[in-house]
């Protein structure tokens, strides 16, 4: 068993070296992130999240508020990478997030939460460049909830119930 693993690793290494030395293996724009990189980064550090905020009668709100958010959260020292992510998308915001939990570090979060940008930019991108991890399930549920929120389904009891049911299946 050990010999087989060792040979597999050697094969992967020589394959990687061969690809590295290929003339076209370099990126055309140094420092620019590729679509594949964004997919991988999202698979590892990203999230498709939905928040449901109850009505705030104090402000005249009678319906739940649905917040759909795509974000990538990284350690404080990875801010330059998140700035490249924001440049890749051409939209969204990057902001500092203080961490109060023990054994956790402060971080930065790149986030897109505007419904129009999510629907026009983010969703089509991930449909063209599918995720590889379990986040694909969250993305599919996120898309359904986003469509319902855009249609203001949460303004009815049945629509809100449907959104809540979909949301409960996320991050499971």
Protein backbone atom coordinates (compact mmCIF):
# COMPACT_ATOMS: atom_id res chain seq x y z
CA UNK A 1 0.00 0.00 0.00
CA UNK A 2 2.75 2.46 0.93
CA UNK A 3 4.60 1.85 -2.36
CA UNK A 4 1.46 2.51 -4.39
CA UNK A 5 0.82 5.81 -2.59
CA UNK A 6 4.43 6.78 -3.11
CA UNK A 7 4.28 5.99 -6.83
CA UNK A 8 0.99 7.89 -7.20
CA UNK A 9 2.50 10.93 -5.52
CA UNK A 10 5.53 10.72 -7.81
CA UNK A 11 3.28 10.51 -10.83
CA UNK A 12 1.28 13.52 -9.68
CA UNK A 13 4.50 15.43 -9.04
CA UNK A 14 5.97 14.74 -12.48
CA UNK A 15 2.62 15.61 -14.09
CA UNK A 16 2.51 18.89 -12.15
CA UNK A 17 6.08 19.74 -13.14
CA UNK A 18 5.32 19.00 -16.78
CA UNK A 19 2.29 21.30 -16.68
CA UNK A 20 4.31 24.01 -14.95
CA UNK A 21 6.90 24.01 -17.71
CA UNK A 22 4.40 24.09 -20.56
CA UNK A 23 4.56 27.32 -22.50
CA UNK A 24 0.85 28.09 -22.01
CA UNK A 25 0.69 27.13 -18.32
CA UNK A 26 1.23 30.75 -17.26
CA UNK A 27 -1.59 33.17 -16.69
CA UNK A 28 -1.96 35.86 -19.28
CA UNK A 29 -2.47 38.58 -16.68
CA UNK A 30 -0.16 38.28 -13.67
CA UNK A 31 -2.14 38.80 -10.48
CA UNK A 32 -5.53 38.36 -12.15
CA UNK A 33 -7.73 35.64 -10.69
CA UNK A 34 -9.29 33.03 -12.95
CA UNK A 35 -12.86 31.73 -12.83
CA UNK A 36 -11.53 28.37 -11.62
CA UNK A 37 -9.71 30.10 -8.76
CA UNK A 38 -12.90 31.91 -7.69
CA UNK A 39 -14.82 28.62 -7.74
CA UNK A 40 -12.15 26.90 -5.63
CA UNK A 41 -11.94 29.80 -3.20
CA UNK A 42 -15.73 29.81 -2.84
CA UNK A 43 -15.74 26.03 -2.33
CA UNK A 44 -13.25 26.44 0.50
CA UNK A 45 -13.91 29.84 2.08
CA UNK A 46 -17.19 31.08 0.65
CA UNK A 47 -20.83 30.91 1.58
CA UNK A 48 -24.28 31.46 0.15
CA UNK A 49 -26.33 32.63 3.11
CA UNK A 50 -29.87 33.81 3.76
CA UNK A 51 -30.93 35.83 6.79
CA UNK A 52 -34.56 36.26 7.76
CA UNK A 53 -35.28 39.33 9.88
CA UNK A 54 -38.68 39.60 11.54
CA UNK A 55 -40.88 42.62 10.94
CA UNK A 56 -39.81 45.77 12.73
CA UNK A 57 -43.02 47.56 13.61
CA UNK A 58 -41.01 50.41 15.10
CA UNK A 59 -39.87 51.27 11.56
CA UNK A 60 -43.23 50.54 9.95
CA UNK A 61 -42.27 47.13 8.56
CA UNK A 62 -45.00 44.49 8.53
CA UNK A 63 -43.16 41.77 6.59
CA UNK A 64 -40.09 39.69 7.17
CA UNK A 65 -36.96 40.94 5.47
CA UNK A 66 -34.97 38.41 3.42
CA UNK A 67 -31.26 39.07 2.99
CA UNK A 68 -29.44 36.90 0.45
CA UNK A 69 -25.65 37.14 0.63
CA UNK A 70 -22.71 35.61 -1.20
CA UNK A 71 -19.45 36.08 0.65
CA UNK A 72 -15.89 34.93 1.07
CA UNK A 73 -14.40 35.40 4.52
CA UNK A 74 -10.65 35.24 5.11
CA UNK A 75 -8.08 36.06 7.76
CA UNK A 76 -6.97 39.62 8.20
CA UNK A 77 -3.62 38.97 6.49
CA UNK A 78 -5.42 37.80 3.30
CA UNK A 79 -6.90 41.23 2.55
CA UNK A 80 -4.84 41.63 -0.67
CA UNK A 81 -6.39 38.42 -2.01
CA UNK A 82 -9.91 39.62 -1.19
CA UNK A 83 -9.16 42.87 -3.00
CA UNK A 84 -8.32 40.77 -6.09
CA UNK A 85 -11.60 38.89 -5.61
CA UNK A 86 -13.51 42.18 -5.54
CA UNK A 87 -11.66 43.29 -8.69
CA UNK A 88 -12.59 39.99 -10.37
CA UNK A 89 -16.30 40.51 -9.66
CA UNK A 90 -16.26 44.24 -10.36
CA UNK A 91 -18.78 44.78 -7.57
CA UNK A 92 -19.44 43.99 -3.94
CA UNK A 93 -17.82 45.25 -0.75
CA UNK A 94 -14.90 44.18 1.38
CA UNK A 95 -14.99 45.07 5.04
CA UNK A 96 -13.26 44.30 8.33
CA UNK A 97 -14.96 41.96 10.75
CA UNK A 98 -13.70 41.83 14.34
CA UNK A 99 -13.69 38.34 15.79
CA UNK A 100 -14.69 38.03 19.44
CA UNK A 101 -14.56 34.25 19.75
CA UNK A 102 -11.54 32.73 21.48
CA UNK A 103 -8.91 31.12 19.26
CA UNK A 104 -10.22 33.03 16.22
CA UNK A 105 -8.56 35.83 14.29
CA UNK A 106 -9.97 39.07 12.96
CA UNK A 107 -10.93 38.73 9.33
CA UNK A 108 -12.16 40.46 6.23
CA UNK A 109 -15.27 39.62 4.31
CA UNK A 110 -15.95 40.23 0.64
CA UNK A 111 -19.68 40.27 0.10
CA UNK A 112 -22.29 40.77 -2.62
CA UNK A 113 -25.83 41.23 -1.30
CA UNK A 114 -27.61 43.38 -3.88
CA UNK A 115 -30.41 41.27 -5.41
CA UNK A 116 -29.81 42.60 -8.91
CA UNK A 117 -26.07 41.84 -8.78
CA UNK A 118 -26.67 38.41 -7.29
CA UNK A 119 -29.19 37.57 -10.03
CA UNK A 120 -27.31 39.17 -12.95
CA UNK A 121 -23.67 38.43 -12.01
CA UNK A 122 -23.19 35.81 -9.29
CA UNK A 123 -25.86 33.23 -10.16
CA UNK A 124 -25.01 33.04 -13.89
CA UNK A 125 -21.30 32.78 -13.06
CA UNK A 126 -21.77 29.76 -10.78
CA UNK A 127 -24.16 28.16 -13.27
CA UNK A 128 -21.44 28.42 -15.94
CA UNK A 129 -18.68 27.43 -13.48
CA UNK A 130 -20.24 24.91 -11.06
CA UNK A 131 -18.96 24.47 -7.53
CA UNK A 132 -17.31 21.17 -6.65
CA UNK A 133 -17.99 20.95 -2.91
CA UNK A 134 -21.10 20.49 -0.79
CA UNK A 135 -21.67 24.25 -1.27
CA UNK A 136 -23.38 23.39 -4.57
CA UNK A 137 -26.45 22.34 -2.53
CA UNK A 138 -26.46 25.66 -0.66
CA UNK A 139 -26.08 27.50 -3.98
CA UNK A 140 -29.10 25.71 -5.48
CA UNK A 141 -31.24 26.50 -2.42
CA UNK A 142 -29.91 30.07 -2.42
CA UNK A 143 -31.03 30.51 -6.05
CA UNK A 144 -34.55 29.34 -5.21
CA UNK A 145 -34.78 31.66 -2.20
CA UNK A 146 -33.37 34.59 -4.18
CA UNK A 147 -36.05 34.12 -6.85
CA UNK A 148 -38.76 33.96 -4.18
CA UNK A 149 -37.40 37.07 -2.43
CA UNK A 150 -37.25 39.01 -5.70
CA UNK A 151 -40.87 38.02 -6.33
CA UNK A 152 -41.68 39.21 -2.77
CA UNK A 153 -43.05 35.79 -1.83
CA UNK A 154 -42.08 36.50 1.79
CA UNK A 155 -44.94 39.03 1.92
CA UNK A 156 -47.38 36.12 2.13
CA UNK A 157 -47.57 33.46 4.84
CA UNK A 158 -47.23 30.60 2.36
CA UNK A 159 -44.28 32.25 0.59
CA UNK A 160 -42.50 32.96 3.87
CA UNK A 161 -43.09 29.37 4.98
CA UNK A 162 -41.57 28.10 1.72
CA UNK A 163 -38.49 30.34 2.15
CA UNK A 164 -38.08 29.17 5.76
CA UNK A 165 -38.30 25.53 4.69
CA UNK A 166 -35.65 26.01 1.96
CA UNK A 167 -33.43 27.95 4.35
CA UNK A 168 -33.61 25.16 6.93
CA UNK A 169 -31.98 22.81 4.40
CA UNK A 170 -28.98 25.10 3.91
CA UNK A 171 -25.62 24.50 5.63
CA UNK A 172 -26.72 21.03 6.71
